[in-house]
Amino acid sequence: MTGYITASEAAKNWGISERRVQKLCEENRIPGVSKLSYMWLIPKDAKKPVDGRRKRKGGVVNE
């Protein structure tokens, strides 16, 4: 399994929480992920998915 990293390693690389990486895996937002028992395996070359949440500008949600 040398071509994979864990959710914890991906979180550090991408600057987000491990829980967020796990949710992205559950939602199939990261191509090529596999789950081995309790652990998510993420391809080393996987890119961080785009955050689909809306951004705020001046405290107001853009529409």
C-alpha atoms as a PDB file:
ATOM      1  CA  MET A   1       0.000   0.000   0.000  1.00  0.00           C
ATOM      2  CA  THR A   2       2.778   2.408  -0.804  1.00  0.00           C
ATOM      3  CA  GLY A   3       0.607   4.477  -3.163  1.00  0.00           C
ATOM      4  CA  TYR A   4      -1.774   5.576  -0.413  1.00  0.00           C
ATOM      5  CA  ILE A   5      -1.872   7.903   2.583  1.00  0.00           C
ATOM      6  CA  THR A   6      -4.211   7.985   5.574  1.00  0.00           C
ATOM      7  CA  ALA A   7      -6.902  10.564   6.303  1.00  0.00           C
ATOM      8  CA  SER A   8      -4.636  12.005   8.991  1.00  0.00           C
ATOM      9  CA  GLU A   9      -1.771  12.505   6.524  1.00  0.00           C
ATOM     10  CA  ALA A  10      -4.109  14.022   3.921  1.00  0.00           C
ATOM     11  CA  ALA A  11      -5.479  16.416   6.556  1.00  0.00           C
ATOM     12  CA  LYS A  12      -1.977  17.661   7.361  1.00  0.00           C
ATOM     13  CA  ASN A  13      -1.084  18.018   3.673  1.00  0.00           C
ATOM     14  CA  TRP A  14      -4.284  19.901   2.817  1.00  0.00           C
ATOM     15  CA  GLY A  15      -4.551  22.035   5.973  1.00  0.00           C
ATOM     16  CA  ILE A  16      -7.978  20.729   7.033  1.00  0.00           C
ATOM     17  CA  SER A  17      -9.223  18.506   9.846  1.00  0.00           C
ATOM     18  CA  GLU A  18      -9.024  14.729   9.725  1.00  0.00           C
ATOM     19  CA  ARG A  19     -12.793  14.581  10.230  1.00  0.00           C
ATOM     20  CA  ARG A  20     -13.342  16.778   7.158  1.00  0.00           C
ATOM     21  CA  VAL A  21     -11.162  14.424   5.080  1.00  0.00           C
ATOM     22  CA  GLN A  22     -13.211  11.467   6.340  1.00  0.00           C
ATOM     23  CA  LYS A  23     -16.444  13.216   5.320  1.00  0.00           C
ATOM     24  CA  LEU A  24     -15.007  13.956   1.860  1.00  0.00           C
ATOM     25  CA  CYS A  25     -14.190  10.244   1.537  1.00  0.00           C
ATOM     26  CA  GLU A  26     -17.690   9.224   2.666  1.00  0.00           C
ATOM     27  CA  GLU A  27     -19.203  11.604   0.095  1.00  0.00           C
ATOM     28  CA  ASN A  28     -16.999  10.156  -2.706  1.00  0.00           C
ATOM     29  CA  ARG A  29     -15.466  13.577  -3.333  1.00  0.00           C
ATOM     30  CA  ILE A  30     -11.915  12.177  -3.526  1.00  0.00           C
ATOM     31  CA  PRO A  31     -11.297   9.886  -6.523  1.00  0.00           C
ATOM     32  CA  GLY A  32      -9.685   6.515  -5.860  1.00  0.00           C
ATOM     33  CA  VAL A  33     -10.298   6.249  -2.108  1.00  0.00           C
ATOM     34  CA  SER A  34     -10.708   2.872  -0.437  1.00  0.00           C
ATOM     35  CA  LYS A  35     -11.760   1.901   3.041  1.00  0.00           C
ATOM     36  CA  LEU A  36      -9.836  -0.839   4.793  1.00  0.00           C
ATOM     37  CA  SER A  37     -11.655  -1.778   7.995  1.00  0.00           C
ATOM     38  CA  TYR A  38     -11.940   1.587   9.803  1.00  0.00           C
ATOM     39  CA  MET A  39      -9.211   3.395   7.853  1.00  0.00           C
ATOM     40  CA  TRP A  40      -9.580   5.454   4.673  1.00  0.00           C
ATOM     41  CA  LEU A  41      -6.817   4.994   2.094  1.00  0.00           C
ATOM     42  CA  ILE A  42      -6.316   8.016  -0.149  1.00  0.00           C
ATOM     43  CA  PRO A  43      -4.098   7.970  -3.253  1.00  0.00           C
ATOM     44  CA  LYS A  44      -0.883   9.945  -2.667  1.00  0.00           C
ATOM     45  CA  ASP A  45      -1.486  12.028  -5.782  1.00  0.00           C
ATOM     46  CA  ALA A  46      -5.099  12.936  -4.859  1.00  0.00           C
ATOM     47  CA  LYS A  47      -5.880  16.645  -4.920  1.00  0.00           C
ATOM     48  CA  LYS A  48      -7.888  18.436  -2.255  1.00  0.00           C
ATOM     49  CA  PRO A  49     -11.482  18.755  -3.513  1.00  0.00           C
ATOM     50  CA  VAL A  50     -12.898  22.232  -4.038  1.00  0.00           C
ATOM     51  CA  ASP A  51     -14.901  23.462  -1.055  1.00  0.00           C
ATOM     52  CA  GLY A  52     -18.464  23.684  -2.343  1.00  0.00           C
ATOM     53  CA  ARG A  53     -19.745  25.788   0.540  1.00  0.00           C
ATOM     54  CA  ARG A  54     -20.644  29.398  -0.158  1.00  0.00           C
ATOM     55  CA  LYS A  55     -18.180  32.101   0.767  1.00  0.00           C
ATOM     56  CA  ARG A  56     -19.148  35.159   2.742  1.00  0.00           C
ATOM     57  CA  LYS A  57     -18.318  38.622   1.541  1.00  0.00           C
ATOM     58  CA  GLY A  58     -18.691  41.409   4.060  1.00  0.00           C
ATOM     59  CA  GLY A  59     -20.645  39.156   6.416  1.00  0.00           C
ATOM     60  CA  VAL A  60     -23.400  38.497   3.861  1.00  0.00           C
ATOM     61  CA  VAL A  61     -23.781  35.239   1.984  1.00  0.00           C
ATOM     62  CA  ASN A  62     -23.310  35.763  -1.767  1.00  0.00           C
ATOM     63  CA  GLU A  63     -26.282  34.846  -3.905  1.00  0.00           C
END
